[in-house]
Amino acid sequence: MLSSASNPVVQAFSVLFMGKNFLRLLGGLGVTIEIALISVFLSLIFGTILGMIMTIKSRAIKIITKIYLEFMRIMPQMVLLFIAYFGLTRTFGIKLSGEAASILVFTLWGTAEMGDLVRGSLASVPRHQYESGMAIGLTSRQIFCFIILPQTLQHLIPLAMNLITRMIKTTSLVVFVGVIEVVKVGQQIIEANRLTIPTASIAVYAVIFFMYFIVCYALSFVAGIIEKREAR
């Protein structure tokens, strides 16, 4: 029977309690959440505005918004990060930190995706809902606030939460532009203990997995509660 000291699994997880390794991982998670929250907040605001603009019946607006949406969907986020972090700096002399470049890219991407979700949610409300509101003497503002908006939110909330979860998971890419977030911290811990604890990667990546899982599951749980309340 192996002793706890020689057990490779126990030895792997012991790296988390060496020095401030676990606190460093929590700090890295904080950076990840900070970038995600700022990007999500801006995306929700600009995406809602974009979605409402996309409902305007104008050929020029439809062409411009479609090009923007397709560009943000086709281009990988990693490529966009490199363009923002390296391209803008060298081409235009704009100095951006890794965090600022990440927030810029994720906001642009989130705005495009959120805009399309808002447009789809508004378009899903049947036309007769507008007509019924006008028939009973409601103003356009009252129709939007009391008829259209509640139905739109009920359809939009689960889709928006799915987008937010995707954005949080995609923040792991910011490691490629020098941001010291949770994945980067994990790599540093693994590299520092590569010779003494070769199995450290098992514990470190398992903890990072559960950190992402807890954050994303919490969002899904909250989304479920909000969706049930809106359905009442």
C-alpha atoms as a PDB file:
ATOM      1  CA  MET A   1       0.000   0.000   0.000  1.00  0.00           C
ATOM      2  CA  LEU A   2       1.386   3.390  -0.992  1.00  0.00           C
ATOM      3  CA  SER A   3       1.925   5.976   1.713  1.00  0.00           C
ATOM      4  CA  SER A   4       0.298   9.374   1.273  1.00  0.00           C
ATOM      5  CA  ALA A   5       3.715  10.901   0.660  1.00  0.00           C
ATOM      6  CA  SER A   6       4.422   8.570  -2.290  1.00  0.00           C
ATOM      7  CA  ASN A   7       0.878   8.525  -3.695  1.00  0.00           C
ATOM      8  CA  PRO A   8       1.087  10.454  -6.998  1.00  0.00           C
ATOM      9  CA  VAL A   9      -2.440  11.872  -6.661  1.00  0.00           C
ATOM     10  CA  VAL A  10      -1.853  13.150  -3.119  1.00  0.00           C
ATOM     11  CA  GLN A  11       1.514  14.479  -4.190  1.00  0.00           C
ATOM     12  CA  ALA A  12      -0.083  16.256  -7.159  1.00  0.00           C
ATOM     13  CA  PHE A  13      -2.671  18.024  -4.994  1.00  0.00           C
ATOM     14  CA  SER A  14      -0.071  18.926  -2.382  1.00  0.00           C
ATOM     15  CA  VAL A  15       1.279  21.528  -4.818  1.00  0.00           C
ATOM     16  CA  LEU A  16      -1.857  23.594  -4.228  1.00  0.00           C
ATOM     17  CA  PHE A  17      -0.950  24.074  -0.574  1.00  0.00           C
ATOM     18  CA  MET A  18       2.660  25.048  -1.165  1.00  0.00           C
ATOM     19  CA  GLY A  19       3.256  28.704  -0.415  1.00  0.00           C
ATOM     20  CA  LYS A  20       0.445  30.823  -1.868  1.00  0.00           C
ATOM     21  CA  ASN A  21      -0.309  28.682  -4.912  1.00  0.00           C
ATOM     22  CA  PHE A  22      -4.030  28.322  -4.211  1.00  0.00           C
ATOM     23  CA  LEU A  23      -4.376  32.030  -3.431  1.00  0.00           C
ATOM     24  CA  ARG A  24      -2.556  32.800  -6.676  1.00  0.00           C
ATOM     25  CA  LEU A  25      -5.079  30.676  -8.578  1.00  0.00           C
ATOM     26  CA  LEU A  26      -7.922  32.557  -6.903  1.00  0.00           C
ATOM     27  CA  GLY A  27      -6.248  35.831  -7.847  1.00  0.00           C
ATOM     28  CA  GLY A  28      -5.966  34.646 -11.453  1.00  0.00           C
ATOM     29  CA  LEU A  29      -9.636  33.698 -11.394  1.00  0.00           C
ATOM     30  CA  GLY A  30     -10.391  37.209 -10.170  1.00  0.00           C
ATOM     31  CA  VAL A  31      -8.624  38.669 -13.223  1.00  0.00           C
ATOM     32  CA  THR A  32     -10.599  36.321 -15.481  1.00  0.00           C
ATOM     33  CA  ILE A  33     -13.904  37.306 -13.883  1.00  0.00           C
ATOM     34  CA  GLU A  34     -13.012  41.009 -13.992  1.00  0.00           C
ATOM     35  CA  ILE A  35     -12.290  40.915 -17.739  1.00  0.00           C
ATOM     36  CA  ALA A  36     -15.435  38.864 -18.350  1.00  0.00           C
ATOM     37  CA  LEU A  37     -17.716  41.088 -16.242  1.00  0.00           C
ATOM     38  CA  ILE A  38     -16.553  44.332 -17.863  1.00  0.00           C
ATOM     39  CA  SER A  39     -16.865  42.798 -21.339  1.00  0.00           C
ATOM     40  CA  VAL A  40     -20.305  41.358 -20.560  1.00  0.00           C
ATOM     41  CA  PHE A  41     -21.569  44.637 -19.080  1.00  0.00           C
ATOM     42  CA  LEU A  42     -20.486  46.636 -22.129  1.00  0.00           C
ATOM     43  CA  SER A  43     -21.743  43.944 -24.510  1.00  0.00           C
ATOM     44  CA  LEU A  44     -25.197  43.951 -22.926  1.00  0.00           C
ATOM     45  CA  ILE A  45     -25.490  47.731 -23.300  1.00  0.00           C
ATOM     46  CA  PHE A  46     -24.076  48.062 -26.821  1.00  0.00           C
ATOM     47  CA  GLY A  47     -25.639  44.772 -27.959  1.00  0.00           C
ATOM     48  CA  THR A  48     -29.110  45.883 -26.898  1.00  0.00           C
ATOM     49  CA  ILE A  49     -28.683  49.143 -28.788  1.00  0.00           C
ATOM     50  CA  LEU A  50     -27.323  47.300 -31.829  1.00  0.00           C
ATOM     51  CA  GLY A  51     -30.194  44.798 -31.732  1.00  0.00           C
ATOM     52  CA  MET A  52     -32.757  47.586 -31.765  1.00  0.00           C
ATOM     53  CA  ILE A  53     -30.923  49.282 -34.634  1.00  0.00           C
ATOM     54  CA  MET A  54     -30.943  45.999 -36.563  1.00  0.00           C
ATOM     55  CA  THR A  55     -34.757  45.979 -36.500  1.00  0.00           C
ATOM     56  CA  ILE A  56     -34.866  49.253 -38.457  1.00  0.00           C
ATOM     57  CA  LYS A  57     -36.045  48.619 -42.018  1.00  0.00           C
ATOM     58  CA  SER A  58     -33.112  50.166 -43.833  1.00  0.00           C
ATOM     59  CA  ARG A  59     -31.083  48.342 -46.478  1.00  0.00           C
ATOM     60  CA  ALA A  60     -27.893  50.255 -45.607  1.00  0.00           C
ATOM     61  CA  ILE A  61     -28.206  49.441 -41.888  1.00  0.00           C
ATOM     62  CA  LYS A  62     -28.902  45.779 -42.633  1.00  0.00           C
ATOM     63  CA  ILE A  63     -25.825  45.501 -44.859  1.00  0.00           C
ATOM     64  CA  ILE A  64     -23.505  47.243 -42.361  1.00  0.00           C
ATOM     65  CA  THR A  65     -24.730  45.272 -39.341  1.00  0.00           C
ATOM     66  CA  LYS A  66     -24.621  41.975 -41.254  1.00  0.00           C
ATOM     67  CA  ILE A  67     -20.996  42.588 -42.312  1.00  0.00           C
ATOM     68  CA  TYR A  68     -20.056  43.438 -38.718  1.00  0.00           C
ATOM     69  CA  LEU A  69     -21.870  40.402 -37.332  1.00  0.00           C
ATOM     70  CA  GLU A  70     -20.410  37.971 -39.862  1.00  0.00           C
ATOM     71  CA  PHE A  71     -16.881  39.378 -39.437  1.00  0.00           C
ATOM     72  CA  MET A  72     -17.001  38.924 -35.643  1.00  0.00           C
ATOM     73  CA  ARG A  73     -18.392  35.405 -36.034  1.00  0.00           C
ATOM     74  CA  ILE A  74     -15.953  34.233 -38.695  1.00  0.00           C
ATOM     75  CA  MET A  75     -12.760  35.651 -37.168  1.00  0.00           C
ATOM     76  CA  PRO A  76     -11.381  33.493 -34.304  1.00  0.00           C
ATOM     77  CA  GLN A  77     -11.147  35.374 -31.017  1.00  0.00           C
ATOM     78  CA  MET A  78      -7.440  34.573 -30.778  1.00  0.00           C
ATOM     79  CA  VAL A  79      -6.783  36.304 -34.106  1.00  0.00           C
ATOM     80  CA  LEU A  80      -8.799  39.324 -32.974  1.00  0.00           C
ATOM     81  CA  LEU A  81      -6.751  39.455 -29.761  1.00  0.00           C
ATOM     82  CA  PHE A  82      -3.516  39.462 -31.749  1.00  0.00           C
ATOM     83  CA  ILE A  83      -4.838  42.184 -34.057  1.00  0.00           C
ATOM     84  CA  ALA A  84      -5.906  44.341 -31.114  1.00  0.00           C
ATOM     85  CA  TYR A  85      -2.806  43.760 -28.974  1.00  0.00           C
ATOM     86  CA  PHE A  86      -0.057  43.650 -31.596  1.00  0.00           C
ATOM     87  CA  GLY A  87      -1.628  45.169 -34.717  1.00  0.00           C
ATOM     88  CA  LEU A  88      -3.021  48.388 -33.243  1.00  0.00           C
ATOM     89  CA  THR A  89       0.155  48.986 -31.276  1.00  0.00           C
ATOM     90  CA  ARG A  90       2.508  48.647 -34.236  1.00  0.00           C
ATOM     91  CA  THR A  91       0.295  50.173 -36.922  1.00  0.00           C
ATOM     92  CA  PHE A  92      -1.213  53.152 -35.117  1.00  0.00           C
ATOM     93  CA  GLY A  93       1.041  53.455 -32.091  1.00  0.00           C
ATOM     94  CA  ILE A  94      -1.875  52.858 -29.715  1.00  0.00           C
ATOM     95  CA  LYS A  95      -0.636  51.470 -26.425  1.00  0.00           C
ATOM     96  CA  LEU A  96      -2.979  48.800 -25.101  1.00  0.00           C
ATOM     97  CA  SER A  97      -2.385  46.515 -22.143  1.00  0.00           C
ATOM     98  CA  GLY A  98      -3.311  42.868 -22.472  1.00  0.00           C
ATOM     99  CA  GLU A  99      -6.354  43.448 -20.273  1.00  0.00           C
ATOM    100  CA  ALA A 100      -7.547  46.442 -22.334  1.00  0.00           C
ATOM    101  CA  ALA A 101      -7.063  44.564 -25.621  1.00  0.00           C
ATOM    102  CA  SER A 102      -8.982  41.590 -24.216  1.00  0.00           C
ATOM    103  CA  ILE A 103     -11.894  43.747 -23.043  1.00  0.00           C
ATOM    104  CA  LEU A 104     -11.994  45.500 -26.424  1.00  0.00           C
ATOM    105  CA  VAL A 105     -12.122  42.231 -28.373  1.00  0.00           C
ATOM    106  CA  PHE A 106     -14.638  40.496 -26.128  1.00  0.00           C
ATOM    107  CA  THR A 107     -16.853  43.583 -26.087  1.00  0.00           C
ATOM    108  CA  LEU A 108     -16.859  43.807 -29.883  1.00  0.00           C
ATOM    109  CA  TRP A 109     -17.577  40.093 -30.167  1.00  0.00           C
ATOM    110  CA  GLY A 110     -20.205  40.131 -27.390  1.00  0.00           C
ATOM    111  CA  THR A 111     -21.910  43.201 -28.862  1.00  0.00           C
ATOM    112  CA  ALA A 112     -22.303  41.463 -32.221  1.00  0.00           C
ATOM    113  CA  GLU A 113     -23.676  38.264 -30.687  1.00  0.00           C
ATOM    114  CA  MET A 114     -25.921  40.095 -28.210  1.00  0.00           C
ATOM    115  CA  GLY A 115     -27.202  42.375 -30.939  1.00  0.00           C
ATOM    116  CA  ASP A 116     -28.304  39.413 -33.007  1.00  0.00           C
ATOM    117  CA  LEU A 117     -29.992  37.847 -29.971  1.00  0.00           C
ATOM    118  CA  VAL A 118     -31.895  41.052 -29.217  1.00  0.00           C
ATOM    119  CA  ARG A 119     -32.918  41.406 -32.866  1.00  0.00           C
ATOM    120  CA  GLY A 120     -34.165  37.827 -32.942  1.00  0.00           C
ATOM    121  CA  SER A 121     -36.038  38.208 -29.655  1.00  0.00           C
ATOM    122  CA  LEU A 122     -37.774  41.389 -30.815  1.00  0.00           C
ATOM    123  CA  ALA A 123     -38.641  39.789 -34.138  1.00  0.00           C
ATOM    124  CA  SER A 124     -40.122  36.745 -32.352  1.00  0.00           C
ATOM    125  CA  VAL A 125     -42.925  38.858 -30.849  1.00  0.00           C
ATOM    126  CA  PRO A 126     -45.967  38.434 -33.145  1.00  0.00           C
ATOM    127  CA  ARG A 127     -47.102  41.506 -35.069  1.00  0.00           C
ATOM    128  CA  HIS A 128     -50.611  41.266 -33.656  1.00  0.00           C
ATOM    129  CA  GLN A 129     -49.213  42.086 -30.204  1.00  0.00           C
ATOM    130  CA  TYR A 130     -48.349  45.571 -31.466  1.00  0.00           C
ATOM    131  CA  GLU A 131     -51.698  45.895 -33.200  1.00  0.00           C
ATOM    132  CA  SER A 132     -53.616  44.777 -30.095  1.00  0.00           C
ATOM    133  CA  GLY A 133     -51.802  47.367 -27.978  1.00  0.00           C
ATOM    134  CA  MET A 134     -52.630  50.116 -30.443  1.00  0.00           C
ATOM    135  CA  ALA A 135     -56.242  48.960 -30.602  1.00  0.00           C
ATOM    136  CA  ILE A 136     -56.752  49.467 -26.860  1.00  0.00           C
ATOM    137  CA  GLY A 137     -55.209  52.934 -27.011  1.00  0.00           C
ATOM    138  CA  LEU A 138     -51.690  52.289 -25.685  1.00  0.00           C
ATOM    139  CA  THR A 139     -48.854  54.543 -26.798  1.00  0.00           C
ATOM    140  CA  SER A 140     -45.792  53.144 -28.560  1.00  0.00           C
ATOM    141  CA  ARG A 141     -43.812  53.480 -25.318  1.00  0.00           C
ATOM    142  CA  GLN A 142     -46.472  51.644 -23.301  1.00  0.00           C
ATOM    143  CA  ILE A 143     -46.671  48.886 -25.915  1.00  0.00           C
ATOM    144  CA  PHE A 144     -42.909  48.400 -25.745  1.00  0.00           C
ATOM    145  CA  CYS A 145     -42.649  48.518 -21.924  1.00  0.00           C
ATOM    146  CA  PHE A 146     -45.701  46.432 -21.014  1.00  0.00           C
ATOM    147  CA  ILE A 147     -46.176  44.070 -23.953  1.00  0.00           C
ATOM    148  CA  ILE A 148     -43.044  43.714 -26.071  1.00  0.00           C
ATOM    149  CA  LEU A 149     -40.297  43.980 -23.432  1.00  0.00           C
ATOM    150  CA  PRO A 150     -41.594  41.241 -21.043  1.00  0.00           C
ATOM    151  CA  GLN A 151     -41.959  38.764 -23.915  1.00  0.00           C
ATOM    152  CA  THR A 152     -38.567  39.711 -25.313  1.00  0.00           C
ATOM    153  CA  LEU A 153     -36.837  39.234 -21.954  1.00  0.00           C
ATOM    154  CA  GLN A 154     -38.429  35.826 -21.448  1.00  0.00           C
ATOM    155  CA  HIS A 155     -36.972  34.675 -24.765  1.00  0.00           C
ATOM    156  CA  LEU A 156     -33.683  36.559 -24.398  1.00  0.00           C
ATOM    157  CA  ILE A 157     -32.507  35.688 -20.853  1.00  0.00           C
ATOM    158  CA  PRO A 158     -31.494  32.025 -21.418  1.00  0.00           C
ATOM    159  CA  LEU A 159     -29.793  32.943 -24.704  1.00  0.00           C
ATOM    160  CA  ALA A 160     -27.937  35.846 -23.088  1.00  0.00           C
ATOM    161  CA  MET A 161     -26.767  33.660 -20.187  1.00  0.00           C
ATOM    162  CA  ASN A 162     -25.448  31.103 -22.669  1.00  0.00           C
ATOM    163  CA  LEU A 163     -23.489  33.883 -24.389  1.00  0.00           C
ATOM    164  CA  ILE A 164     -22.108  35.139 -21.055  1.00  0.00           C
ATOM    165  CA  THR A 165     -20.976  31.602 -20.165  1.00  0.00           C
ATOM    166  CA  ARG A 166     -19.222  31.297 -23.530  1.00  0.00           C
ATOM    167  CA  MET A 167     -17.484  34.631 -22.983  1.00  0.00           C
ATOM    168  CA  ILE A 168     -16.219  33.561 -19.550  1.00  0.00           C
ATOM    169  CA  LYS A 169     -14.789  30.320 -20.952  1.00  0.00           C
ATOM    170  CA  THR A 170     -13.228  32.128 -23.917  1.00  0.00           C
ATOM    171  CA  THR A 171     -11.313  34.482 -21.581  1.00  0.00           C
ATOM    172  CA  SER A 172      -8.759  31.680 -21.225  1.00  0.00           C
ATOM    173  CA  LEU A 173      -7.358  32.935 -24.566  1.00  0.00           C
ATOM    174  CA  VAL A 174      -6.091  36.156 -22.964  1.00  0.00           C
ATOM    175  CA  VAL A 175      -3.053  34.217 -21.777  1.00  0.00           C
ATOM    176  CA  PHE A 176      -1.677  34.636 -25.328  1.00  0.00           C
ATOM    177  CA  VAL A 177      -1.480  38.425 -24.954  1.00  0.00           C
ATOM    178  CA  GLY A 178       0.355  38.334 -21.642  1.00  0.00           C
ATOM    179  CA  VAL A 179      -2.550  38.565 -19.200  1.00  0.00           C
ATOM    180  CA  ILE A 180      -1.811  36.745 -15.936  1.00  0.00           C
ATOM    181  CA  GLU A 181      -5.188  35.076 -15.420  1.00  0.00           C
ATOM    182  CA  VAL A 182      -6.094  31.735 -13.882  1.00  0.00           C
ATOM    183  CA  VAL A 183      -4.780  29.512 -16.711  1.00  0.00           C
ATOM    184  CA  LYS A 184      -1.491  31.419 -16.880  1.00  0.00           C
ATOM    185  CA  VAL A 185      -1.053  31.191 -13.107  1.00  0.00           C
ATOM    186  CA  GLY A 186      -1.724  27.463 -13.329  1.00  0.00           C
ATOM    187  CA  GLN A 187       0.948  27.080 -16.017  1.00  0.00           C
ATOM    188  CA  GLN A 188       3.426  28.985 -13.855  1.00  0.00           C
ATOM    189  CA  ILE A 189       2.752  26.704 -10.876  1.00  0.00           C
ATOM    190  CA  ILE A 190       3.119  23.585 -13.026  1.00  0.00           C
ATOM    191  CA  GLU A 191       6.376  24.842 -14.549  1.00  0.00           C
ATOM    192  CA  ALA A 192       7.821  25.797 -11.139  1.00  0.00           C
ATOM    193  CA  ASN A 193       7.182  22.260  -9.825  1.00  0.00           C
ATOM    194  CA  ARG A 194       7.892  20.363 -13.031  1.00  0.00           C
ATOM    195  CA  LEU A 195      10.937  18.526 -11.621  1.00  0.00           C
ATOM    196  CA  THR A 196       9.829  17.935  -8.022  1.00  0.00           C
ATOM    197  CA  ILE A 197       6.139  17.134  -8.702  1.00  0.00           C
ATOM    198  CA  PRO A 198       5.707  16.000 -12.325  1.00  0.00           C
ATOM    199  CA  THR A 199       2.019  15.231 -11.735  1.00  0.00           C
ATOM    200  CA  ALA A 200       1.194  18.776 -10.564  1.00  0.00           C
ATOM    201  CA  SER A 201      -0.691  19.469 -13.801  1.00  0.00           C
ATOM    202  CA  ILE A 202      -3.391  16.963 -12.751  1.00  0.00           C
ATOM    203  CA  ALA A 203      -4.275  18.916  -9.618  1.00  0.00           C
ATOM    204  CA  VAL A 204      -3.831  22.389 -11.070  1.00  0.00           C
ATOM    205  CA  TYR A 205      -5.987  21.849 -14.149  1.00  0.00           C
ATOM    206  CA  ALA A 206      -8.592  19.965 -12.080  1.00  0.00           C
ATOM    207  CA  VAL A 207      -8.920  22.979  -9.763  1.00  0.00           C
ATOM    208  CA  ILE A 208      -9.109  25.377 -12.735  1.00  0.00           C
ATOM    209  CA  PHE A 209     -11.815  23.172 -14.261  1.00  0.00           C
ATOM    210  CA  PHE A 210     -13.896  23.322 -11.067  1.00  0.00           C
ATOM    211  CA  MET A 211     -13.381  27.086 -10.800  1.00  0.00           C
ATOM    212  CA  TYR A 212     -14.806  27.586 -14.288  1.00  0.00           C
ATOM    213  CA  PHE A 213     -17.566  25.063 -13.558  1.00  0.00           C
ATOM    214  CA  ILE A 214     -18.649  26.810 -10.345  1.00  0.00           C
ATOM    215  CA  VAL A 215     -18.762  30.238 -12.005  1.00  0.00           C
ATOM    216  CA  CYS A 216     -20.658  29.014 -15.078  1.00  0.00           C
ATOM    217  CA  TYR A 217     -23.029  26.807 -13.068  1.00  0.00           C
ATOM    218  CA  ALA A 218     -23.857  29.739 -10.782  1.00  0.00           C
ATOM    219  CA  LEU A 219     -24.772  31.805 -13.843  1.00  0.00           C
ATOM    220  CA  SER A 220     -26.942  28.991 -15.221  1.00  0.00           C
ATOM    221  CA  PHE A 221     -28.673  28.634 -11.840  1.00  0.00           C
ATOM    222  CA  VAL A 222     -29.424  32.362 -11.646  1.00  0.00           C
ATOM    223  CA  ALA A 223     -30.645  32.323 -15.261  1.00  0.00           C
ATOM    224  CA  GLY A 224     -33.047  29.496 -14.417  1.00  0.00           C
ATOM    225  CA  ILE A 225     -34.503  31.450 -11.486  1.00  0.00           C
ATOM    226  CA  ILE A 226     -34.944  34.611 -13.591  1.00  0.00           C
ATOM    227  CA  GLU A 227     -36.510  32.635 -16.442  1.00  0.00           C
ATOM    228  CA  LYS A 228     -39.054  31.056 -14.083  1.00  0.00           C
ATOM    229  CA  ARG A 229     -39.981  34.441 -12.631  1.00  0.00           C
ATOM    230  CA  GLU A 230     -40.415  35.943 -16.103  1.00  0.00           C
ATOM    231  CA  ALA A 231     -42.596  32.986 -17.104  1.00  0.00           C
ATOM    232  CA  ARG A 232     -45.090  33.686 -14.285  1.00  0.00           C
END
